Amino acid sequence: MRSCDPALSLVWDEDQETAVQSSHGGTKVAWGGPPVAPKHGRNRQRFDLTLADGDMAAEVDRLVALGATRLGRTADGTVELADPDGNEFCLAHG
């Protein structure tokens, strides 16, 4: 998978809280450690990732091996997954 911003920098990593930001500025993306708050419905923030090239099935298998869970597939072939904390994300072929 290709990163959308290869200049992503760690800007905070303390007490099981982490944040990254583009070295060009802009919005920070942050997450915390355990305990994870209970989920109620779908996340308002989620990642939609695009596989630029390569084997979609192999990439999904790689993500599952890293701890992701398959949630389903949409009509256009996008695969819906969740990270180990249950946060949803999608993987599409670009």
Foldseek 3Di string as FASTA:
>chain_A
DDDPAPQKDWDDDPPQKTWIAHPVDDDIDIDGDPPDDDDDDADPDEEEEEDADDDPVVVVVVQVVVAKAWDQADPQGKTWIAHNSRHIYIYHYD
